[in-house]
Amino acid sequence: MPALRTALLQSSGEPGDVAANLTVLDEAAARAAQAGAGLLLAPELFLTGYAIGDAVTRLAETADGPSARAVAAIAARHGLAVGYGYPERDPERPGVLYNAAQLFGSDGAPLAHYRKTHLFGEGERRWFTPGDASVVQAVVGGLTVGLIICYDVEFPENVRAHALAGTDLLLVPTALMHPAEIVPEAVVPVRAFENQLYLAYANRTGPEGDFEFVGLSTLAGPDGTARARAGRGEELVFGDVDPAFLAASRAENPYLRDRRPGLYGALTEA
């Protein structure tokens, strides 16, 4: 199985302007496809912006809304899978919003949809309801691909659940701000190593509202090294997810085999 070239879009786009952000995503997909990528990942809440206040209630859409159809068309037009974050409106309860991520295949078909399970800070808890599905997966290029969002990766249980479910590449659209640089610099590579998977972490960048997003988007490998890492500004970075290297690393690393789940019951007690 060939390696899956993965592109990470590090950008905050134009907060509050969905049409402009779809254009940014389309241009990034064209560049990624030209560079041989089979998958493009954009940041958390990329379509609308993160720090947009009550505008989120106006810009939120259902999972099959017009923006989703536009992203599906982008994926099909450029022939690569596209993952991105957006605010989702519950189709049955219009007043309920989720911080969500969606993945479309290279043919434009919907592959996976995820609602952030661990909301960060009062701002997110004000607008969003947490999701309740910890593992969402799809297949891209023969690899099992999972989805979580930003703060979720800082909980080791989330990534371990994906490892036990067989995720090969975990996609993490992100909105990480200063002073939490330790997450892409240290936590993300450690999560990839301790769980024996690839982890793609695509961050926003620059000032937005009261926040300063730090960039540092990272593709980490199962050996705990950064296979690709962006700087602090707008950037499109590439790294290869190599299934042969992943298989060899898993054969050598005993973490998952040496677990003793019977000792860990207290971890799930309230």
Protein backbone atom coordinates (compact mmCIF):
# COMPACT_ATOMS: atom_id res chain seq x y z
CA MET A 1 0.00 0.00 0.00
CA PRO A 2 1.50 3.37 -0.97
CA ALA A 3 2.01 6.18 1.52
CA LEU A 4 -0.78 8.72 1.86
CA ARG A 5 0.56 12.22 1.33
CA THR A 6 -1.27 14.43 3.78
CA ALA A 7 -1.56 18.24 3.57
CA LEU A 8 -2.20 20.41 6.62
CA LEU A 9 -3.73 23.82 5.96
CA GLN A 10 -2.56 26.28 8.63
CA SER A 11 -4.83 29.27 8.25
CA SER A 12 -7.51 31.24 10.06
CA GLY A 13 -9.08 32.27 6.78
CA GLU A 14 -11.49 35.19 7.06
CA PRO A 15 -13.46 34.91 10.32
CA GLY A 16 -17.15 35.44 9.72
CA ASP A 17 -16.92 35.00 5.93
CA VAL A 18 -17.86 31.45 4.90
CA ALA A 19 -17.63 32.16 1.16
CA ALA A 20 -14.08 33.51 1.52
CA ASN A 21 -13.05 30.50 3.58
CA LEU A 22 -14.45 28.11 1.00
CA THR A 23 -12.28 29.90 -1.56
CA VAL A 24 -9.21 29.48 0.67
CA LEU A 25 -10.03 25.79 1.05
CA ASP A 26 -10.51 25.36 -2.70
CA GLU A 27 -7.15 27.01 -3.44
CA ALA A 28 -5.42 24.88 -0.81
CA ALA A 29 -6.99 21.72 -2.24
CA ALA A 30 -5.70 22.61 -5.70
CA ARG A 31 -2.17 23.11 -4.36
CA ALA A 32 -2.35 19.94 -2.28
CA ALA A 33 -3.54 17.83 -5.20
CA GLN A 34 -0.81 19.26 -7.44
CA ALA A 35 1.74 18.20 -4.80
CA GLY A 36 0.38 14.65 -4.81
CA ALA A 37 -1.61 14.77 -1.58
CA GLY A 38 -4.52 12.40 -1.12
CA LEU A 39 -5.90 14.17 1.93
CA LEU A 40 -6.20 17.79 3.07
CA LEU A 41 -7.00 18.79 6.65
CA ALA A 42 -8.16 22.30 7.62
CA PRO A 43 -8.41 23.69 11.18
CA GLU A 44 -11.18 23.74 13.78
CA LEU A 45 -14.23 25.87 12.86
CA PHE A 46 -12.41 26.80 9.67
CA LEU A 47 -15.50 27.64 7.65
CA THR A 48 -16.72 30.36 10.02
CA GLY A 49 -13.86 31.39 12.29
CA TYR A 50 -13.41 30.54 15.95
CA ALA A 51 -13.81 33.82 17.86
CA ILE A 52 -16.93 35.14 16.14
CA GLY A 53 -19.25 35.48 19.15
CA ASP A 54 -22.99 35.16 18.55
CA ALA A 55 -22.43 35.15 14.77
CA VAL A 56 -21.92 31.41 15.22
CA THR A 57 -25.68 31.00 15.65
CA ARG A 58 -26.24 32.64 12.28
CA LEU A 59 -23.47 30.83 10.40
CA ALA A 60 -24.00 27.31 11.76
CA GLU A 61 -25.33 24.79 9.23
CA THR A 62 -26.51 21.20 9.23
CA ALA A 63 -24.07 18.48 8.23
CA ASP A 64 -25.60 18.36 4.75
CA GLY A 65 -26.01 22.12 4.32
CA PRO A 66 -24.78 24.30 1.46
CA SER A 67 -21.24 24.63 2.82
CA ALA A 68 -20.93 20.87 3.18
CA ARG A 69 -22.04 20.47 -0.43
CA ALA A 70 -19.47 23.06 -1.47
CA VAL A 71 -16.68 21.19 0.34
CA ALA A 72 -17.81 17.92 -1.22
CA ALA A 73 -17.52 19.57 -4.63
CA ILE A 74 -14.02 20.83 -3.78
CA ALA A 75 -12.93 17.31 -2.79
CA ALA A 76 -14.33 15.81 -5.99
CA ARG A 77 -12.97 18.57 -8.23
CA HIS A 78 -9.42 18.11 -6.99
CA GLY A 79 -9.58 14.36 -6.35
CA LEU A 80 -8.54 14.25 -2.69
CA ALA A 81 -10.20 13.73 0.67
CA VAL A 82 -10.93 16.91 2.63
CA GLY A 83 -11.46 17.27 6.38
CA TYR A 84 -12.47 20.54 8.06
CA GLY A 85 -14.13 22.02 11.13
CA TYR A 86 -17.41 23.96 11.23
CA PRO A 87 -20.30 24.79 13.62
CA GLU A 88 -23.08 22.26 13.10
CA ARG A 89 -26.76 23.00 13.64
CA ASP A 90 -28.76 20.03 14.90
CA PRO A 91 -31.36 19.35 12.20
CA GLU A 92 -33.95 18.21 14.75
CA ARG A 93 -33.18 20.83 17.40
CA PRO A 94 -32.20 24.04 15.55
CA GLY A 95 -31.15 25.81 18.76
CA VAL A 96 -28.54 23.14 19.53
CA LEU A 97 -25.07 23.64 18.02
CA TYR A 98 -22.01 21.39 17.93
CA ASN A 99 -18.35 22.11 17.31
CA ALA A 100 -18.03 19.58 14.50
CA ALA A 101 -15.64 18.19 11.90
CA GLN A 102 -16.46 16.46 8.65
CA LEU A 103 -14.48 14.37 6.16
CA PHE A 104 -15.36 13.97 2.48
CA GLY A 105 -13.77 11.45 0.14
CA SER A 106 -12.01 12.17 -3.12
CA ASP A 107 -15.28 11.52 -4.95
CA GLY A 108 -17.16 14.00 -2.79
CA ALA A 109 -18.94 11.34 -0.75
CA PRO A 110 -19.34 11.97 3.01
CA LEU A 111 -17.03 9.64 4.94
CA ALA A 112 -17.10 10.70 8.60
CA HIS A 113 -18.68 13.27 10.88
CA TYR A 114 -17.64 14.05 14.48
CA ARG A 115 -18.84 16.34 17.26
CA LYS A 116 -16.24 17.61 19.74
CA THR A 117 -16.58 15.72 23.01
CA HIS A 118 -14.42 17.91 25.28
CA LEU A 119 -15.35 21.58 24.99
CA PHE A 120 -12.68 24.13 25.91
CA GLY A 121 -13.44 27.16 28.05
CA GLU A 122 -16.57 29.15 28.75
CA GLY A 123 -16.77 30.42 25.18
CA GLU A 124 -17.21 26.95 23.69
CA ARG A 125 -19.49 25.80 26.50
CA ARG A 126 -21.68 28.84 25.92
CA TRP A 127 -22.38 28.05 22.29
CA PHE A 128 -21.92 24.31 21.86
CA THR A 129 -23.27 21.02 23.16
CA PRO A 130 -20.62 18.29 23.56
CA GLY A 131 -20.80 15.25 21.33
CA ASP A 132 -21.09 11.77 22.77
CA ALA A 133 -19.33 9.56 20.19
CA SER A 134 -15.64 9.16 21.02
CA VAL A 135 -14.53 7.15 17.97
CA VAL A 136 -15.53 8.06 14.42
CA GLN A 137 -13.62 6.43 11.55
CA ALA A 138 -13.46 6.14 7.77
CA VAL A 139 -11.14 4.61 5.20
CA VAL A 140 -8.92 6.82 3.03
CA GLY A 141 -6.26 5.37 0.77
CA GLY A 142 -6.55 2.00 2.50
CA LEU A 143 -5.87 3.55 5.93
CA THR A 144 -8.30 3.75 8.82
CA VAL A 145 -8.70 7.45 9.53
CA GLY A 146 -10.24 8.89 12.70
CA LEU A 147 -11.51 12.34 13.71
CA ILE A 148 -11.28 14.30 16.94
CA ILE A 149 -11.03 18.08 17.55
CA CYS A 150 -8.35 20.19 19.28
CA TYR A 151 -8.80 19.88 23.09
CA ASP A 152 -9.89 16.25 22.65
CA VAL A 153 -6.30 15.23 21.86
CA GLU A 154 -5.13 16.51 25.24
CA PHE A 155 -7.07 13.69 26.93
CA PRO A 156 -5.05 10.47 26.57
CA GLU A 157 -8.20 8.36 26.78
CA ASN A 158 -9.51 9.79 23.50
CA VAL A 159 -6.45 8.85 21.47
CA ARG A 160 -6.12 5.46 23.19
CA ALA A 161 -9.71 4.68 22.24
CA HIS A 162 -8.77 5.32 18.61
CA ALA A 163 -5.66 3.16 18.90
CA LEU A 164 -7.71 0.27 20.28
CA ALA A 165 -10.25 0.73 17.48
CA GLY A 166 -7.52 0.42 14.86
CA THR A 167 -7.12 4.03 13.73
CA ASP A 168 -3.99 4.47 11.60
CA LEU A 169 -4.19 8.23 11.06
CA LEU A 170 -5.96 10.50 13.54
CA LEU A 171 -7.07 13.87 12.15
CA VAL A 172 -7.22 16.76 14.63
CA PRO A 173 -8.54 20.08 13.30
CA THR A 174 -7.40 22.58 15.91
CA ALA A 175 -7.66 26.13 17.28
CA LEU A 176 -4.77 26.20 19.74
CA MET A 177 -3.74 29.52 21.21
CA HIS A 178 -0.77 30.94 23.11
CA PRO A 179 0.61 29.95 25.64
CA ALA A 180 -0.18 26.26 24.97
CA GLU A 181 2.63 25.62 22.47
CA ILE A 182 3.56 22.51 24.48
CA VAL A 183 0.67 20.68 22.80
CA PRO A 184 2.01 20.58 19.21
CA GLU A 185 5.63 20.59 20.36
CA ALA A 186 5.38 17.73 22.88
CA VAL A 187 1.90 16.30 23.51
CA VAL A 188 1.03 15.52 19.89
CA PRO A 189 4.24 13.55 19.14
CA VAL A 190 3.89 11.67 22.45
CA ARG A 191 0.27 10.76 21.69
CA ALA A 192 1.33 9.39 18.31
CA PHE A 193 4.14 7.37 19.92
CA GLU A 194 2.27 5.95 22.89
CA ASN A 195 -0.65 4.90 20.67
CA GLN A 196 1.30 3.80 17.60
CA LEU A 197 -0.51 5.85 14.99
CA TYR A 198 0.01 8.93 12.84
CA LEU A 199 -1.53 12.14 14.12
CA ALA A 200 -2.32 15.14 11.90
CA TYR A 201 -2.83 18.37 13.86
CA ALA A 202 -3.93 21.37 11.74
CA ASN A 203 -4.04 24.66 13.63
CA ARG A 204 -5.27 28.20 13.12
CA THR A 205 -2.76 31.04 13.15
CA GLY A 206 -2.50 34.70 14.15
CA PRO A 207 -4.77 37.03 16.16
CA GLU A 208 -8.51 36.52 16.27
CA GLY A 209 -10.66 38.25 18.86
CA ASP A 210 -8.96 37.86 22.25
CA PHE A 211 -6.85 34.92 21.04
CA GLU A 212 -3.44 34.48 19.45
CA PHE A 213 -3.35 31.18 17.58
CA VAL A 214 0.14 29.70 17.49
CA GLY A 215 0.24 27.64 14.29
CA LEU A 216 2.83 24.85 14.62
CA SER A 217 0.61 22.40 12.73
CA THR A 218 2.18 18.96 12.95
CA LEU A 219 2.06 15.53 11.36
CA ALA A 220 3.55 13.20 13.98
CA GLY A 221 4.58 9.62 13.31
CA PRO A 222 4.37 6.49 15.48
CA ASP A 223 8.04 6.94 16.35
CA GLY A 224 7.20 10.21 18.11
CA THR A 225 8.87 12.46 15.55
CA ALA A 226 7.33 15.37 13.65
CA ARG A 227 7.21 14.29 10.01
CA ALA A 228 6.01 17.77 9.09
CA ARG A 229 5.70 20.94 11.14
CA ALA A 230 4.57 24.42 10.17
CA GLY A 231 5.87 27.68 11.56
CA ARG A 232 3.67 30.42 13.01
CA GLY A 233 2.15 31.91 9.86
CA GLU A 234 -0.15 30.91 7.01
CA GLU A 235 1.21 27.72 5.50
CA LEU A 236 0.40 24.47 3.70
CA VAL A 237 2.66 21.66 4.90
CA PHE A 238 2.96 18.07 3.68
CA GLY A 239 3.92 14.77 5.23
CA ASP A 240 3.61 11.12 4.25
CA VAL A 241 1.63 8.53 6.23
CA ASP A 242 3.55 5.33 5.47
CA PRO A 243 1.60 2.12 6.23
CA ALA A 244 4.74 -0.05 5.98
CA PHE A 245 6.55 2.07 8.57
CA LEU A 246 3.44 2.04 10.77
CA ALA A 247 3.23 -1.76 10.65
CA ALA A 248 6.93 -2.13 11.49
CA SER A 249 6.64 0.34 14.36
CA ARG A 250 3.61 -1.45 15.79
CA ALA A 251 5.40 -4.79 15.60
CA GLU A 252 8.31 -3.38 17.59
CA ASN A 253 6.47 -1.25 20.16
CA PRO A 254 4.71 -3.31 22.88
CA TYR A 255 2.54 -0.66 24.54
CA LEU A 256 -0.83 -1.86 23.27
CA ARG A 257 0.07 -5.53 23.70
CA ASP A 258 1.33 -5.04 27.26
CA ARG A 259 -1.72 -3.18 28.57
CA ARG A 260 -3.59 -4.62 31.58
CA PRO A 261 -7.11 -3.26 31.19
CA GLY A 262 -8.33 -5.04 34.30
CA LEU A 263 -6.30 -2.59 36.40
CA TYR A 264 -7.76 0.52 34.82
CA GLY A 265 -11.40 0.40 35.94
CA ALA A 266 -10.96 3.39 38.23
CA LEU A 267 -10.22 5.57 35.20
CA THR A 268 -13.88 5.47 34.17
CA GLU A 269 -15.37 6.13 37.61
CA ALA A 270 -17.06 9.51 38.07
